[in-house]
Amino acid sequence: MGFVIAIDGPTASGKGTLAKRMGEALKFKVLDTGLLYRAVGLAVVRAGGDPADAALAVPAAQKLDASRLADDNDIRSDLAGQYASQCSTIAGVRAALLEFQRKFADAEPGAILDGRDIGTVICPHAPLKLYVTAAPEVRAHRRHAELVSRGKQLSYEDVLADIRARDDRDMNRAIAPLKPAPDAIILDTSDMNANSVLQKALEYTHERRRV
């Protein structure tokens, strides 16, 4: 088993960007676990169902072909993110995706998994756990700018409301709620740029790998 880095945090905190850049720097495999839940939600909706319906979402998770995630053009859409937030509250969905994530974490020389319950549930024994966060208003500005750059016409207020709603669902769900692991290092990126966050995360990585 290689060196495992668990990265958790709320939506638009920058954890996905950090995971990708750390993977490039360290030559580790990277898994955005949120894509798994997005794919499940999309599968349910495309079949005409409600992503919050356990009777539909659990079978979709059990049949998920993770090898085809990159081929889905809709998987990173805002709607897919909302579907993911809904189906991720279902215990059966989380259980169906658990083993896939843990097997991914066995990659050599190391693996980086980013999500919302990596350090607390998926890889509780990871030698490095990072909890990446930022103020909701900062995250909303980042997401709004990203959406505008992609030609989307959403107001900042709507984006902020969506982020707060998703935070509430993620942090208050009964199963694997979003929270820092007791031994996680908190990285508040509110006043940091992407390069500074990467540098700090790599410093923590090198420290833990020397232990």
Protein backbone atom coordinates (compact mmCIF):
# COMPACT_ATOMS: atom_id res chain seq x y z
CA MET A 1 0.00 0.00 0.00
CA GLY A 2 1.32 3.42 -0.95
CA PHE A 3 1.16 6.73 0.87
CA VAL A 4 -2.47 7.89 1.16
CA ILE A 5 -3.52 11.54 1.27
CA ALA A 6 -7.12 12.22 2.29
CA ILE A 7 -8.50 15.61 1.28
CA ASP A 8 -11.91 16.66 2.54
CA GLY A 9 -13.83 19.90 2.49
CA PRO A 10 -16.99 21.68 1.38
CA THR A 11 -17.93 22.55 -2.18
CA ALA A 12 -15.80 25.15 -4.00
CA SER A 13 -13.12 25.09 -1.31
CA GLY A 14 -10.41 24.27 -3.84
CA LYS A 15 -9.84 20.68 -2.71
CA GLY A 16 -10.27 19.26 -6.21
CA THR A 17 -7.71 21.62 -7.72
CA LEU A 18 -5.34 20.89 -4.86
CA ALA A 19 -5.71 17.11 -5.25
CA LYS A 20 -5.02 17.29 -8.98
CA ARG A 21 -1.94 19.49 -8.57
CA MET A 22 -0.58 17.38 -5.72
CA GLY A 23 -1.04 14.28 -7.86
CA GLU A 24 0.98 15.86 -10.66
CA ALA A 25 3.73 16.96 -8.28
CA LEU A 26 3.99 13.65 -6.42
CA LYS A 27 3.12 11.28 -9.31
CA PHE A 28 0.26 9.85 -7.23
CA LYS A 29 -3.05 8.57 -8.55
CA VAL A 30 -5.96 10.94 -7.87
CA LEU A 31 -9.64 10.20 -7.34
CA ASP A 32 -12.32 12.88 -7.12
CA THR A 33 -14.81 10.78 -5.18
CA GLY A 34 -17.55 13.32 -5.76
CA LEU A 35 -17.65 12.16 -9.38
CA LEU A 36 -18.90 8.77 -8.19
CA TYR A 37 -21.90 10.34 -6.49
CA ARG A 38 -22.49 12.69 -9.41
CA ALA A 39 -22.57 9.70 -11.74
CA VAL A 40 -25.07 7.89 -9.54
CA GLY A 41 -27.34 10.94 -9.36
CA LEU A 42 -27.17 11.45 -13.11
CA ALA A 43 -27.98 7.80 -13.76
CA VAL A 44 -31.10 8.02 -11.60
CA VAL A 45 -32.30 11.28 -13.18
CA ARG A 46 -31.67 10.01 -16.70
CA ALA A 47 -33.85 7.02 -15.88
CA GLY A 48 -36.61 9.42 -14.86
CA GLY A 49 -36.15 9.11 -11.10
CA ASP A 50 -35.36 11.22 -8.05
CA PRO A 51 -31.70 11.06 -6.89
CA ALA A 52 -32.91 11.18 -3.27
CA ASP A 53 -34.90 7.95 -3.78
CA ALA A 54 -32.91 5.14 -2.17
CA ALA A 55 -34.82 2.46 -4.09
CA LEU A 56 -33.38 3.88 -7.32
CA ALA A 57 -30.07 5.34 -6.18
CA VAL A 58 -28.69 2.23 -4.46
CA PRO A 59 -29.00 -0.06 -7.53
CA ALA A 60 -27.48 2.72 -9.65
CA ALA A 61 -24.49 2.87 -7.30
CA GLN A 62 -24.11 -0.90 -7.32
CA LYS A 63 -24.03 -0.94 -11.14
CA LEU A 64 -21.77 2.11 -11.55
CA ASP A 65 -18.99 1.73 -14.12
CA ALA A 66 -16.34 4.06 -12.70
CA SER A 67 -14.09 3.59 -15.75
CA ARG A 68 -16.45 5.71 -17.85
CA LEU A 69 -16.72 8.77 -15.61
CA ALA A 70 -14.39 10.90 -17.72
CA ASP A 71 -16.55 10.31 -20.80
CA ASP A 72 -19.66 11.95 -19.31
CA ASN A 73 -19.91 15.58 -20.41
CA ASP A 74 -22.54 16.41 -17.79
CA ILE A 75 -20.74 15.02 -14.76
CA ARG A 76 -19.19 18.33 -13.67
CA SER A 77 -22.33 20.39 -14.17
CA ASP A 78 -23.98 22.22 -11.29
CA LEU A 79 -27.06 20.03 -11.60
CA ALA A 80 -24.93 16.90 -11.24
CA GLY A 81 -23.44 18.43 -8.09
CA GLN A 82 -26.91 18.93 -6.66
CA TYR A 83 -27.87 15.34 -7.53
CA ALA A 84 -24.71 14.10 -5.82
CA SER A 85 -25.50 16.04 -2.67
CA GLN A 86 -28.93 14.39 -2.56
CA CYS A 87 -27.98 10.77 -3.24
CA SER A 88 -24.90 10.96 -1.00
CA THR A 89 -27.17 11.09 2.06
CA ILE A 90 -28.30 7.51 1.35
CA ALA A 91 -26.47 4.86 3.40
CA GLY A 92 -26.82 2.18 0.73
CA VAL A 93 -25.23 4.41 -1.90
CA ARG A 94 -22.26 5.18 0.33
CA ALA A 95 -21.84 1.50 1.17
CA ALA A 96 -21.89 0.52 -2.51
CA LEU A 97 -19.10 2.98 -3.34
CA LEU A 98 -16.98 2.35 -0.24
CA GLU A 99 -15.01 -0.65 -1.49
CA PHE A 100 -14.13 0.98 -4.82
CA GLN A 101 -12.65 3.97 -3.02
CA ARG A 102 -10.66 1.87 -0.57
CA LYS A 103 -9.21 -0.25 -3.37
CA PHE A 104 -8.17 2.92 -5.19
CA ALA A 105 -6.33 4.04 -2.05
CA ASP A 106 -4.03 1.00 -2.32
CA ALA A 107 -2.29 2.45 -5.39
CA GLU A 108 1.51 2.67 -5.48
CA PRO A 109 3.49 4.83 -4.86
CA GLY A 110 0.53 6.69 -3.40
CA ALA A 111 -3.04 7.87 -3.85
CA ILE A 112 -4.90 11.11 -3.24
CA LEU A 113 -8.64 10.94 -2.65
CA ASP A 114 -10.72 14.08 -2.31
CA GLY A 115 -14.27 14.20 -1.05
CA ARG A 116 -16.25 14.76 2.10
CA ASP A 117 -15.66 11.65 4.21
CA ILE A 118 -12.23 10.43 3.12
CA GLY A 119 -10.40 11.09 6.37
CA THR A 120 -13.31 10.12 8.59
CA VAL A 121 -14.73 7.02 6.84
CA ILE A 122 -12.97 5.91 3.66
CA CYS A 123 -9.33 6.17 4.76
CA PRO A 124 -9.34 6.84 8.52
CA HIS A 125 -5.75 5.59 8.80
CA ALA A 126 -4.33 7.84 6.06
CA PRO A 127 -1.00 9.28 7.23
CA LEU A 128 -1.96 12.73 5.93
CA LYS A 129 -5.45 14.21 6.18
CA LEU A 130 -6.20 17.70 4.95
CA TYR A 131 -9.45 19.55 5.49
CA VAL A 132 -9.62 22.31 2.90
CA THR A 133 -12.15 25.04 3.55
CA ALA A 134 -12.93 28.72 3.03
CA ALA A 135 -15.66 31.16 4.01
CA PRO A 136 -18.95 30.54 2.15
CA GLU A 137 -18.79 34.01 0.60
CA VAL A 138 -15.29 33.36 -0.75
CA ARG A 139 -16.32 30.01 -2.15
CA ALA A 140 -19.37 31.58 -3.77
CA HIS A 141 -17.24 34.26 -5.46
CA ARG A 142 -14.91 31.55 -6.82
CA ARG A 143 -17.76 29.40 -8.11
CA HIS A 144 -19.60 32.40 -9.58
CA ALA A 145 -16.47 33.52 -11.45
CA GLU A 146 -16.00 29.99 -12.77
CA LEU A 147 -19.59 29.79 -13.97
CA VAL A 148 -19.45 33.21 -15.64
CA SER A 149 -16.25 32.19 -17.45
CA ARG A 150 -18.18 29.21 -18.82
CA GLY A 151 -20.96 31.44 -20.10
CA LYS A 152 -23.48 30.64 -17.35
CA GLN A 153 -25.88 33.39 -16.27
CA LEU A 154 -26.29 32.95 -12.50
CA SER A 155 -26.23 35.65 -9.87
CA TYR A 156 -23.72 35.63 -7.02
CA GLU A 157 -26.62 35.51 -4.57
CA ASP A 158 -28.01 32.34 -6.16
CA VAL A 159 -24.59 30.69 -6.09
CA LEU A 160 -24.11 31.60 -2.43
CA ALA A 161 -27.56 30.24 -1.55
CA ASP A 162 -26.77 26.97 -3.35
CA ILE A 163 -23.43 26.61 -1.55
CA ARG A 164 -25.04 27.20 1.83
CA ALA A 165 -27.77 24.66 1.05
CA ARG A 166 -25.21 22.05 -0.01
CA ASP A 167 -23.11 22.74 3.09
CA ASP A 168 -26.18 22.20 5.24
CA ARG A 169 -27.00 18.88 3.55
CA ASP A 170 -23.40 17.66 3.67
CA MET A 171 -22.68 18.68 7.26
CA ASN A 172 -25.98 17.56 8.78
CA ARG A 173 -26.68 14.26 7.03
CA ALA A 174 -27.00 11.27 9.32
CA ILE A 175 -24.49 9.14 7.38
CA ALA A 176 -20.84 10.25 7.11
CA PRO A 177 -21.42 13.98 7.61
CA LEU A 178 -18.83 16.42 6.33
CA LYS A 179 -16.44 17.30 9.16
CA PRO A 180 -12.69 17.35 9.74
CA ALA A 181 -11.15 14.14 11.04
CA PRO A 182 -9.77 14.65 14.58
CA ASP A 183 -6.21 14.49 13.24
CA ALA A 184 -6.80 16.47 10.04
CA ILE A 185 -4.79 19.58 9.22
CA ILE A 186 -7.14 22.49 8.54
CA LEU A 187 -6.25 24.50 5.44
CA ASP A 188 -8.35 27.66 5.26
CA THR A 189 -7.87 28.96 1.74
CA SER A 190 -9.96 32.12 2.13
CA ASP A 191 -6.89 34.35 1.81
CA MET A 192 -4.63 31.99 -0.15
CA ASN A 193 -4.08 31.49 -3.86
CA ALA A 194 -3.80 28.05 -5.46
CA ASN A 195 0.01 28.09 -5.52
CA SER A 196 0.24 28.94 -1.82
CA VAL A 197 -2.20 26.16 -0.93
CA LEU A 198 -0.23 23.66 -3.00
CA GLN A 199 3.07 24.66 -1.43
CA LYS A 200 1.68 24.33 2.09
CA ALA A 201 0.11 20.94 1.32
CA LEU A 202 3.35 19.61 -0.16
CA GLU A 203 5.24 20.77 2.94
CA TYR A 204 2.85 18.76 5.11
CA THR A 205 3.26 15.77 2.79
CA HIS A 206 7.04 15.78 2.97
CA GLU A 207 6.91 16.10 6.76
CA ARG A 208 4.60 13.11 7.13
CA ARG A 209 6.55 10.96 4.67
CA ARG A 210 9.70 11.47 6.74
CA VAL A 211 8.03 10.19 9.91
